[in-house]
N, C-alpha and C. Protein backbone atom coordinates (compact mmCIF):
# COMPACT_ATOMS: atom_id res chain seq x y z
N MET A 1 -218.70 179.42 -191.17
CA MET A 1 -217.85 180.30 -190.96
C MET A 1 -218.49 181.85 -191.21
N ASP A 2 -218.24 182.63 -190.43
CA ASP A 2 -218.83 184.02 -190.77
C ASP A 2 -217.34 184.86 -191.30
N HIS A 3 -217.41 185.44 -192.50
CA HIS A 3 -216.69 186.00 -193.05
C HIS A 3 -216.96 187.62 -193.05
N GLU A 4 -215.60 188.14 -192.41
CA GLU A 4 -215.85 189.90 -192.47
C GLU A 4 -215.06 190.27 -193.73
N ARG A 5 -215.44 191.46 -194.32
CA ARG A 5 -214.77 191.74 -195.44
C ARG A 5 -213.94 193.09 -195.23
N LEU A 6 -212.88 193.27 -195.87
CA LEU A 6 -211.84 194.32 -195.85
C LEU A 6 -212.05 194.93 -196.95
N TRP A 7 -212.61 196.48 -197.11
CA TRP A 7 -212.99 197.18 -198.12
C TRP A 7 -211.51 197.79 -198.57
N ALA A 8 -211.16 197.64 -199.59
CA ALA A 8 -209.87 198.40 -200.17
C ALA A 8 -210.04 198.73 -201.75
N PRO A 9 -210.83 199.34 -201.95
CA PRO A 9 -211.09 199.83 -203.49
C PRO A 9 -209.92 200.45 -203.90
N TRP A 10 -209.24 201.14 -203.48
CA TRP A 10 -207.96 201.89 -204.19
C TRP A 10 -206.91 200.74 -204.72
N ARG A 11 -207.17 199.61 -204.30
CA ARG A 11 -206.34 198.61 -204.77
C ARG A 11 -206.41 198.01 -206.14
N ILE A 12 -207.49 198.30 -206.75
CA ILE A 12 -207.99 197.42 -207.92
C ILE A 12 -207.12 197.96 -209.30
N SER A 13 -206.95 199.34 -209.15
CA SER A 13 -206.06 199.66 -210.15
C SER A 13 -204.63 199.00 -210.16
N TYR A 14 -204.05 198.73 -208.94
CA TYR A 14 -202.79 197.98 -208.80
C TYR A 14 -202.96 196.73 -209.40
N ILE A 15 -204.04 196.05 -208.73
CA ILE A 15 -204.12 194.78 -209.19
C ILE A 15 -204.38 194.57 -210.57
N ALA A 16 -205.13 195.38 -211.34
CA ALA A 16 -205.42 195.21 -212.66
C ALA A 16 -204.18 195.75 -213.61
N GLY A 17 -203.22 196.25 -212.83
CA GLY A 17 -202.19 196.63 -213.76
C GLY A 17 -202.22 198.17 -214.39
N ASP A 18 -203.27 198.91 -213.90
CA ASP A 18 -203.43 200.17 -214.73
C ASP A 18 -202.33 201.25 -214.26
N LYS A 19 -201.65 201.56 -215.27
CA LYS A 19 -200.31 202.53 -215.10
C LYS A 19 -200.83 203.88 -215.47
N THR A 20 -201.91 204.02 -216.18
CA THR A 20 -202.54 205.53 -216.53
C THR A 20 -202.50 206.51 -215.05
N PRO A 21 -201.83 207.63 -215.25
CA PRO A 21 -201.83 208.60 -214.43
C PRO A 21 -203.13 209.06 -213.87
N ALA A 22 -203.57 209.40 -212.92
CA ALA A 22 -204.64 209.76 -212.48
C ALA A 22 -205.27 211.24 -213.18
N PRO A 23 -206.26 211.21 -213.74
CA PRO A 23 -206.42 212.82 -214.25
C PRO A 23 -206.34 213.78 -213.00
N GLY A 24 -205.86 214.94 -213.20
CA GLY A 24 -206.26 216.14 -212.20
C GLY A 24 -205.33 217.02 -212.77
N ILE A 25 -204.48 217.91 -211.61
CA ILE A 25 -203.65 218.87 -211.88
C ILE A 25 -202.73 218.57 -212.68
N GLU A 26 -202.45 219.37 -213.90
CA GLU A 26 -201.28 219.13 -214.83
C GLU A 26 -200.06 220.14 -214.21
N PRO A 27 -198.88 219.67 -214.42
CA PRO A 27 -197.79 220.29 -214.06
C PRO A 27 -197.61 221.66 -214.94
N THR A 28 -197.03 222.42 -214.59
CA THR A 28 -196.73 223.62 -215.35
C THR A 28 -195.24 223.57 -215.85
N SER A 29 -194.49 222.96 -215.13
CA SER A 29 -193.22 222.49 -215.67
C SER A 29 -192.61 221.14 -215.08
N TRP A 30 -191.86 220.29 -216.07
CA TRP A 30 -191.48 218.92 -215.44
C TRP A 30 -190.03 219.12 -215.33
N GLN A 31 -189.28 218.58 -214.42
CA GLN A 31 -187.64 218.14 -214.34
C GLN A 31 -187.33 217.78 -215.67
N GLU A 32 -185.97 218.37 -216.00
CA GLU A 32 -185.38 217.72 -217.20
C GLU A 32 -185.25 216.35 -217.10
N GLY A 33 -185.79 215.81 -218.07
CA GLY A 33 -185.31 214.19 -218.62
C GLY A 33 -186.44 213.52 -217.88
N ALA A 34 -187.54 214.28 -217.45
CA ALA A 34 -188.91 213.28 -216.83
C ALA A 34 -189.53 212.64 -217.66
N ASP A 35 -190.03 211.50 -217.24
CA ASP A 35 -191.02 210.74 -218.05
C ASP A 35 -192.34 211.03 -217.52
N ARG A 36 -193.01 211.61 -218.44
CA ARG A 36 -194.35 212.02 -218.09
C ARG A 36 -195.42 211.18 -217.50
N ASP A 37 -195.04 209.60 -217.69
CA ASP A 37 -195.89 208.71 -217.16
C ASP A 37 -195.61 208.19 -216.15
N CYS A 38 -194.44 208.80 -215.32
CA CYS A 38 -193.88 208.32 -214.09
C CYS A 38 -194.50 209.08 -213.11
N PHE A 39 -195.23 208.31 -212.10
CA PHE A 39 -195.81 209.13 -211.04
C PHE A 39 -194.96 209.72 -209.87
N LEU A 40 -193.44 209.41 -209.92
CA LEU A 40 -192.40 209.94 -209.00
C LEU A 40 -192.19 211.38 -209.91
N CYS A 41 -192.01 211.48 -211.22
CA CYS A 41 -191.50 212.58 -212.10
C CYS A 41 -192.72 213.40 -211.90
N ARG A 42 -193.98 212.95 -211.93
CA ARG A 42 -195.31 213.92 -211.75
C ARG A 42 -195.20 214.44 -210.40
N ALA A 43 -194.62 213.90 -209.39
CA ALA A 43 -194.70 214.40 -208.06
C ALA A 43 -193.44 215.33 -207.80
N ALA A 44 -192.56 215.19 -208.92
CA ALA A 44 -191.31 216.28 -208.43
C ALA A 44 -191.49 217.34 -209.47
N ALA A 45 -192.56 217.44 -210.11
CA ALA A 45 -192.88 218.47 -211.32
C ALA A 45 -193.39 219.93 -210.36
N SER A 46 -193.46 220.94 -211.11
CA SER A 46 -193.90 222.39 -210.75
C SER A 46 -195.44 222.42 -211.08
N TYR A 47 -196.25 223.01 -210.21
CA TYR A 47 -197.60 223.04 -210.27
C TYR A 47 -198.04 224.55 -210.09
N ALA A 48 -198.89 225.24 -210.73
CA ALA A 48 -199.50 226.53 -210.08
C ALA A 48 -200.15 226.38 -208.92
N ASP A 49 -200.69 225.41 -208.37
CA ASP A 49 -201.35 225.24 -207.27
C ASP A 49 -200.57 223.98 -206.52
N GLU A 50 -199.37 224.49 -205.73
CA GLU A 50 -198.64 223.40 -205.22
C GLU A 50 -199.40 222.61 -204.12
N THR A 51 -200.03 223.21 -203.36
CA THR A 51 -200.75 222.37 -202.30
C THR A 51 -201.64 221.51 -202.72
N ALA A 52 -202.54 221.94 -203.88
CA ALA A 52 -203.49 220.82 -204.44
C ALA A 52 -202.86 219.95 -204.96
N ALA A 53 -201.78 220.14 -205.75
CA ALA A 53 -200.92 219.12 -206.51
C ALA A 53 -199.87 218.10 -205.26
N ARG A 54 -199.85 218.90 -204.41
CA ARG A 54 -198.94 217.83 -203.22
C ARG A 54 -199.93 216.78 -202.99
N GLN A 55 -201.26 217.48 -202.71
CA GLN A 55 -202.30 216.47 -201.93
C GLN A 55 -202.56 215.08 -203.03
N GLN A 56 -202.79 215.82 -204.17
CA GLN A 56 -203.11 214.87 -205.40
C GLN A 56 -202.03 213.79 -205.38
N ASN A 57 -200.77 214.25 -205.51
CA ASN A 57 -199.80 213.40 -205.71
C ASN A 57 -199.31 212.77 -204.60
N LEU A 58 -199.74 212.91 -203.32
CA LEU A 58 -199.58 212.16 -201.91
C LEU A 58 -197.77 212.65 -201.56
N VAL A 59 -197.55 213.95 -202.13
CA VAL A 59 -196.00 214.53 -201.57
C VAL A 59 -196.29 214.81 -200.44
N VAL A 60 -195.31 214.52 -199.42
CA VAL A 60 -195.24 214.96 -198.12
C VAL A 60 -194.09 215.87 -197.93
N HIS A 61 -192.94 215.85 -198.71
CA HIS A 61 -191.83 216.52 -198.46
C HIS A 61 -191.17 216.84 -200.08
N THR A 62 -190.89 217.90 -200.35
CA THR A 62 -190.00 218.41 -201.24
C THR A 62 -188.77 218.84 -200.78
N GLY A 63 -187.78 218.31 -201.17
CA GLY A 63 -186.29 219.08 -200.97
C GLY A 63 -185.78 219.52 -202.09
N ALA A 64 -184.51 219.85 -202.08
CA ALA A 64 -183.71 220.59 -203.06
C ALA A 64 -183.33 219.37 -204.46
N ARG A 65 -183.60 218.02 -204.17
CA ARG A 65 -183.05 217.07 -205.04
C ARG A 65 -183.93 215.88 -204.91
N VAL A 66 -184.57 215.91 -203.87
CA VAL A 66 -185.39 214.50 -203.66
C VAL A 66 -186.89 214.99 -203.38
N VAL A 67 -187.71 213.81 -203.36
CA VAL A 67 -189.26 214.00 -203.13
C VAL A 67 -189.73 212.86 -202.38
N ALA A 68 -190.52 213.20 -201.44
CA ALA A 68 -191.09 211.85 -200.38
C ALA A 68 -192.51 211.87 -200.65
N VAL A 69 -193.10 210.73 -201.11
CA VAL A 69 -194.16 210.47 -201.41
C VAL A 69 -194.86 209.18 -200.81
N LEU A 70 -196.07 209.18 -200.19
CA LEU A 70 -196.77 208.35 -199.61
C LEU A 70 -197.06 207.37 -200.81
N ASN A 71 -197.05 205.96 -200.43
CA ASN A 71 -197.18 204.81 -201.26
C ASN A 71 -198.83 204.76 -201.52
N LYS A 72 -199.11 204.90 -202.90
CA LYS A 72 -200.53 204.65 -202.92
C LYS A 72 -201.06 203.29 -202.76
N TYR A 73 -200.23 202.22 -202.77
CA TYR A 73 -200.61 200.77 -202.61
C TYR A 73 -199.36 200.40 -201.13
N PRO A 74 -199.81 201.06 -199.90
CA PRO A 74 -198.90 200.60 -199.11
C PRO A 74 -198.75 199.15 -198.57
N TYR A 75 -197.50 198.86 -198.25
CA TYR A 75 -197.61 197.50 -197.24
C TYR A 75 -197.98 197.41 -195.95
N ASN A 76 -197.53 198.92 -195.38
CA ASN A 76 -198.10 198.94 -194.17
C ASN A 76 -198.57 200.39 -193.98
N ASN A 77 -199.12 200.84 -192.80
CA ASN A 77 -199.69 202.26 -192.72
C ASN A 77 -198.26 203.07 -192.63
N GLY A 78 -198.28 204.08 -193.47
CA GLY A 78 -197.12 205.31 -193.33
C GLY A 78 -196.16 204.70 -194.34
N HIS A 79 -196.47 203.87 -195.31
CA HIS A 79 -195.50 203.58 -196.32
C HIS A 79 -195.06 204.70 -197.12
N LEU A 80 -193.66 204.94 -197.22
CA LEU A 80 -193.06 206.10 -197.81
C LEU A 80 -192.18 205.73 -198.99
N LEU A 81 -192.36 206.61 -199.97
CA LEU A 81 -191.15 206.36 -201.04
C LEU A 81 -190.52 207.57 -201.29
N VAL A 82 -189.04 207.45 -201.03
CA VAL A 82 -188.08 208.88 -201.18
C VAL A 82 -187.58 208.34 -202.49
N ALA A 83 -187.71 209.39 -203.37
CA ALA A 83 -186.87 209.41 -204.86
C ALA A 83 -186.29 210.81 -205.07
N PRO A 84 -185.29 210.43 -205.96
CA PRO A 84 -184.64 211.82 -206.48
C PRO A 84 -185.52 212.50 -207.89
N TRP A 85 -185.45 213.74 -207.74
CA TRP A 85 -186.27 214.26 -208.80
C TRP A 85 -186.09 213.75 -210.29
N ARG A 86 -184.79 213.56 -210.25
CA ARG A 86 -184.49 213.20 -211.61
C ARG A 86 -184.94 211.70 -211.96
N HIS A 87 -185.20 211.45 -213.10
CA HIS A 87 -185.50 210.02 -213.59
C HIS A 87 -184.35 209.23 -213.76
N VAL A 88 -183.92 208.65 -212.63
CA VAL A 88 -182.88 207.79 -213.02
C VAL A 88 -183.16 206.17 -212.31
N GLY A 89 -182.40 205.17 -212.82
CA GLY A 89 -182.63 203.98 -212.25
C GLY A 89 -181.76 203.33 -211.77
N GLN A 90 -180.52 203.67 -211.56
CA GLN A 90 -179.38 203.14 -211.03
C GLN A 90 -178.69 203.90 -210.06
N LEU A 91 -178.09 203.39 -208.91
CA LEU A 91 -177.32 204.18 -207.89
C LEU A 91 -176.39 204.86 -208.56
N ALA A 92 -175.71 204.10 -209.14
CA ALA A 92 -174.33 204.86 -209.79
C ALA A 92 -174.87 206.22 -210.57
N GLU A 93 -176.08 206.45 -211.05
CA GLU A 93 -176.59 207.76 -211.57
C GLU A 93 -176.54 208.83 -210.88
N LEU A 94 -176.90 208.67 -209.51
CA LEU A 94 -177.02 209.67 -208.67
C LEU A 94 -176.06 210.51 -208.28
N THR A 95 -176.11 211.84 -208.21
CA THR A 95 -174.74 212.80 -207.73
C THR A 95 -174.83 212.25 -206.13
N ASP A 96 -173.77 212.77 -205.66
CA ASP A 96 -173.50 212.54 -204.28
C ASP A 96 -174.41 213.38 -203.46
N GLU A 97 -174.91 214.56 -204.18
CA GLU A 97 -175.91 215.39 -203.14
C GLU A 97 -177.23 214.65 -203.26
N GLU A 98 -177.63 213.94 -204.41
CA GLU A 98 -178.96 213.40 -204.23
C GLU A 98 -178.85 211.94 -203.36
N HIS A 99 -177.95 211.61 -203.34
CA HIS A 99 -177.71 210.26 -202.50
C HIS A 99 -177.57 210.74 -201.12
N LEU A 100 -176.89 211.90 -200.68
CA LEU A 100 -177.04 212.03 -199.31
C LEU A 100 -178.37 212.71 -199.01
N GLU A 101 -178.83 213.56 -199.82
CA GLU A 101 -180.29 213.96 -199.46
C GLU A 101 -181.24 212.97 -199.10
N ALA A 102 -181.22 211.90 -199.91
CA ALA A 102 -181.97 210.79 -199.85
C ALA A 102 -182.10 210.21 -198.62
N MET A 103 -180.61 210.09 -198.05
CA MET A 103 -180.42 209.26 -196.69
C MET A 103 -180.87 210.33 -195.60
N HIS A 104 -180.68 211.64 -195.71
CA HIS A 104 -181.01 212.54 -194.74
C HIS A 104 -182.67 212.44 -194.54
N THR A 105 -183.40 212.20 -195.89
CA THR A 105 -184.81 212.45 -196.04
C THR A 105 -185.30 211.07 -195.09
N LEU A 106 -184.75 209.89 -195.33
CA LEU A 106 -185.02 208.71 -194.79
C LEU A 106 -184.77 208.85 -193.31
N ALA A 107 -183.69 209.36 -192.87
CA ALA A 107 -183.52 209.56 -191.38
C ALA A 107 -184.32 210.46 -190.91
N ARG A 108 -184.84 211.62 -191.33
CA ARG A 108 -185.89 212.57 -190.92
C ARG A 108 -187.27 211.74 -190.66
N PHE A 109 -187.75 211.20 -191.65
CA PHE A 109 -189.02 210.52 -191.84
C PHE A 109 -189.01 209.48 -190.59
N THR A 110 -188.06 208.62 -190.26
CA THR A 110 -187.92 207.86 -189.29
C THR A 110 -188.08 208.60 -187.87
N ASP A 111 -187.64 209.66 -187.67
CA ASP A 111 -187.58 210.47 -186.31
C ASP A 111 -189.32 210.98 -186.47
N VAL A 112 -189.70 211.41 -187.34
CA VAL A 112 -191.25 212.03 -187.71
C VAL A 112 -192.06 210.79 -187.34
N TYR A 113 -191.82 209.66 -188.01
CA TYR A 113 -193.00 208.33 -187.80
C TYR A 113 -192.70 208.13 -186.37
N ALA A 114 -191.53 207.91 -185.65
CA ALA A 114 -191.37 207.56 -184.79
C ALA A 114 -192.35 208.42 -183.47
N LYS A 115 -192.16 209.77 -183.62
CA LYS A 115 -192.76 210.76 -182.74
C LYS A 115 -194.44 210.77 -183.32
N LEU A 116 -194.73 210.85 -184.45
CA LEU A 116 -196.32 211.17 -185.06
C LEU A 116 -197.04 210.14 -184.97
N MET A 117 -196.42 208.70 -185.14
CA MET A 117 -197.30 207.61 -185.34
C MET A 117 -196.58 206.42 -184.17
N LYS A 118 -196.02 206.60 -183.53
CA LYS A 118 -195.29 206.02 -182.50
C LYS A 118 -194.54 204.57 -183.21
N ALA A 119 -193.88 204.75 -184.48
CA ALA A 119 -193.53 203.58 -184.99
C ALA A 119 -192.25 203.15 -184.19
N GLU A 120 -192.28 201.92 -183.91
CA GLU A 120 -191.18 201.15 -183.06
C GLU A 120 -189.96 200.82 -183.92
N ALA A 121 -190.11 200.63 -185.33
CA ALA A 121 -189.01 199.93 -186.05
C ALA A 121 -189.43 200.55 -187.52
N PHE A 122 -188.51 200.09 -188.45
CA PHE A 122 -188.40 200.58 -189.68
C PHE A 122 -187.97 199.34 -190.52
N ASN A 123 -188.64 198.99 -192.06
CA ASN A 123 -187.84 198.50 -192.83
C ASN A 123 -187.57 199.42 -193.88
N ILE A 124 -186.30 199.53 -194.62
CA ILE A 124 -186.04 200.55 -195.54
C ILE A 124 -185.35 199.95 -196.61
N GLY A 125 -185.89 199.82 -197.65
CA GLY A 125 -185.40 199.06 -198.91
C GLY A 125 -185.04 199.66 -200.07
N LEU A 126 -184.62 199.12 -201.30
CA LEU A 126 -184.48 199.88 -202.63
C LEU A 126 -184.44 198.80 -203.47
N ASN A 127 -185.43 198.53 -204.36
CA ASN A 127 -185.37 197.63 -205.27
C ASN A 127 -184.73 197.93 -206.71
N LEU A 128 -183.74 197.74 -207.32
CA LEU A 128 -183.03 198.03 -208.13
C LEU A 128 -183.32 196.99 -209.60
N GLY A 129 -184.18 197.22 -210.58
CA GLY A 129 -184.37 196.44 -211.51
C GLY A 129 -185.62 195.73 -211.34
N LYS A 130 -186.40 195.28 -212.57
CA LYS A 130 -187.76 194.70 -212.50
C LYS A 130 -187.46 193.25 -211.89
N PRO A 131 -186.56 192.47 -212.10
CA PRO A 131 -186.39 191.09 -211.23
C PRO A 131 -186.23 191.28 -209.87
N ALA A 132 -185.96 192.35 -209.54
CA ALA A 132 -185.69 192.51 -208.01
C ALA A 132 -186.92 193.29 -207.38
N GLY A 133 -187.79 193.23 -208.08
CA GLY A 133 -189.32 193.79 -207.62
C GLY A 133 -189.35 195.41 -207.79
N ALA A 134 -188.71 195.92 -208.74
CA ALA A 134 -188.90 197.38 -208.79
C ALA A 134 -190.32 197.62 -209.50
N GLY A 135 -191.10 198.39 -209.04
CA GLY A 135 -192.24 198.68 -209.88
C GLY A 135 -192.04 199.67 -210.82
N VAL A 136 -191.18 200.72 -210.57
CA VAL A 136 -190.83 201.78 -211.55
C VAL A 136 -189.42 201.59 -211.54
N PRO A 137 -188.93 200.43 -212.47
CA PRO A 137 -187.36 200.33 -212.66
C PRO A 137 -186.58 201.56 -213.08
N GLY A 138 -187.12 202.42 -214.07
CA GLY A 138 -186.55 203.72 -214.46
C GLY A 138 -186.31 204.88 -213.37
N HIS A 139 -187.33 204.70 -212.37
CA HIS A 139 -187.00 205.85 -211.28
C HIS A 139 -186.93 205.22 -209.99
N LEU A 140 -185.57 205.03 -209.66
CA LEU A 140 -185.24 204.45 -208.19
C LEU A 140 -185.78 205.31 -207.24
N HIS A 141 -186.17 204.49 -206.20
CA HIS A 141 -186.83 205.13 -205.00
C HIS A 141 -186.64 204.06 -203.78
N TRP A 142 -186.41 204.66 -202.49
CA TRP A 142 -186.45 204.03 -201.20
C TRP A 142 -187.82 203.75 -200.79
N HIS A 143 -187.88 202.57 -200.09
CA HIS A 143 -189.08 202.53 -199.48
C HIS A 143 -188.81 202.55 -197.96
N LEU A 144 -189.68 203.38 -197.27
CA LEU A 144 -189.60 203.44 -195.74
C LEU A 144 -190.72 203.01 -195.15
N VAL A 145 -190.87 201.60 -194.64
CA VAL A 145 -191.99 201.27 -194.07
C VAL A 145 -191.99 201.02 -192.59
N PRO A 146 -192.93 202.07 -192.00
CA PRO A 146 -193.00 201.97 -190.47
C PRO A 146 -193.36 200.32 -189.88
N ARG A 147 -192.87 200.28 -188.77
CA ARG A 147 -193.26 198.82 -188.14
C ARG A 147 -193.76 199.17 -186.52
N TRP A 148 -194.50 198.11 -186.17
CA TRP A 148 -195.06 198.02 -184.75
C TRP A 148 -194.90 196.49 -184.42
N THR A 149 -194.45 196.33 -183.06
CA THR A 149 -194.56 194.97 -182.40
C THR A 149 -196.11 194.44 -182.63
N GLY A 150 -196.04 193.37 -183.32
CA GLY A 150 -197.51 192.81 -183.63
C GLY A 150 -198.19 192.90 -184.96
N ASP A 151 -197.52 193.95 -185.68
CA ASP A 151 -198.43 194.47 -187.03
C ASP A 151 -198.49 193.13 -187.96
N SER A 152 -197.61 192.58 -187.93
CA SER A 152 -197.78 191.30 -188.94
C SER A 152 -198.91 190.30 -188.16
N ASN A 153 -199.98 190.48 -187.87
CA ASN A 153 -200.94 189.65 -187.28
C ASN A 153 -201.46 188.80 -188.15
N PHE A 154 -202.33 187.89 -187.81
CA PHE A 154 -202.83 186.86 -188.28
C PHE A 154 -203.37 187.17 -189.85
N MET A 155 -203.77 188.31 -190.24
CA MET A 155 -204.52 188.80 -191.44
C MET A 155 -203.39 188.08 -192.47
N PRO A 156 -202.23 188.50 -192.62
CA PRO A 156 -201.64 187.97 -193.77
C PRO A 156 -201.49 186.28 -193.91
N VAL A 157 -201.66 185.71 -192.82
CA VAL A 157 -201.72 184.13 -192.77
C VAL A 157 -202.67 183.83 -193.21
N VAL A 158 -204.01 184.18 -192.54
CA VAL A 158 -205.24 183.59 -192.68
C VAL A 158 -205.87 184.22 -194.08
N ALA A 159 -205.82 185.45 -194.22
CA ALA A 159 -206.67 185.98 -195.33
C ALA A 159 -205.87 186.53 -196.47
N ASP A 160 -204.61 186.21 -196.57
CA ASP A 160 -203.67 186.72 -197.46
C ASP A 160 -203.85 188.34 -197.54
N ALA A 161 -204.01 189.11 -196.62
CA ALA A 161 -204.31 190.47 -196.56
C ALA A 161 -203.48 191.32 -195.56
N ARG A 162 -203.34 192.55 -195.53
CA ARG A 162 -202.62 193.31 -194.49
C ARG A 162 -203.80 194.12 -194.25
N VAL A 163 -203.89 194.77 -193.10
CA VAL A 163 -204.86 195.93 -192.72
C VAL A 163 -204.04 196.99 -192.49
N ILE A 164 -204.62 198.03 -193.28
CA ILE A 164 -204.02 199.50 -193.13
C ILE A 164 -205.11 200.24 -192.35
N SER A 165 -204.61 200.75 -191.15
CA SER A 165 -205.32 201.31 -190.38
C SER A 165 -205.80 202.68 -190.37
N GLN A 166 -205.26 203.59 -191.55
CA GLN A 166 -205.63 204.82 -191.77
C GLN A 166 -205.43 205.07 -193.11
N SER A 167 -206.38 206.23 -193.46
CA SER A 167 -206.45 206.52 -194.83
C SER A 167 -205.23 207.32 -195.18
N LEU A 168 -205.02 207.11 -196.61
CA LEU A 168 -203.92 208.03 -197.07
C LEU A 168 -204.18 209.56 -197.00
N GLU A 169 -205.58 210.01 -197.24
CA GLU A 169 -205.67 211.43 -196.75
C GLU A 169 -205.44 211.67 -195.39
N GLU A 170 -205.87 211.09 -194.58
CA GLU A 170 -205.65 211.35 -193.18
C GLU A 170 -204.03 211.45 -193.03
N LEU A 171 -203.48 210.41 -193.26
CA LEU A 171 -202.09 210.53 -193.02
C LEU A 171 -201.28 211.59 -193.70
N TRP A 172 -201.82 212.04 -195.05
CA TRP A 172 -200.98 213.17 -195.56
C TRP A 172 -201.31 214.46 -194.75
N GLN A 173 -202.64 214.87 -194.47
CA GLN A 173 -202.83 215.70 -193.52
C GLN A 173 -201.95 215.87 -192.21
N ALA A 174 -201.88 214.50 -191.74
CA ALA A 174 -201.03 214.53 -190.21
C ALA A 174 -199.58 214.96 -190.59
N LEU A 175 -198.97 214.48 -191.69
CA LEU A 175 -197.57 214.79 -192.06
C LEU A 175 -197.46 215.98 -192.48
N ASN A 176 -198.41 216.66 -193.20
CA ASN A 176 -198.19 218.19 -193.50
C ASN A 176 -198.67 219.07 -192.49
N GLN A 177 -199.23 218.52 -191.44
CA GLN A 177 -199.31 219.53 -190.15
C GLN A 177 -197.98 219.29 -189.13
N ALA A 178 -197.28 217.94 -189.39
CA ALA A 178 -195.94 217.93 -188.53
C ALA A 178 -194.89 218.71 -189.19
N THR A 179 -193.82 218.98 -188.14
CA THR A 179 -192.93 219.87 -188.82
C THR A 179 -191.62 218.78 -189.31
N ILE A 180 -191.43 219.03 -190.57
CA ILE A 180 -190.61 218.27 -191.14
C ILE A 180 -189.44 218.76 -191.88
């Protein structure tokens, strides 16, 4: 049997459990109560060079209370995380304004993805607590995963792998050129 290889070197740090923030641009200021080891808190921080920091942290939207970040280890092309700026882990800790802005941001990105990427459907979810699958249990965030007919092809069944058809850098560029 001739085996083809899928090259995904960015996943090794996830597989190995490396939680060390990538070196790079340091924030000039953090949100109150931020966890400096949390990538979502790092994405919501302020930077002297905002454009470079947005790209480094895969930030595609910054609102008044929430931030939208591309998932570094996506389930599918376009996998997005929407999180409050504040480092909170439970829904009851959100203000009404944070909750509403998060929902509006998710709705806006479903429209953007439908137009930009021709997404046909979406999975939107929230994992609360480590036993529920939360990778960052202290900083709640919603997952927005665009879907297409047939996107669950034979690869997950045969090779226990998913095919991501676009690089994070290319997707970040496309989203930053779109009107969001």
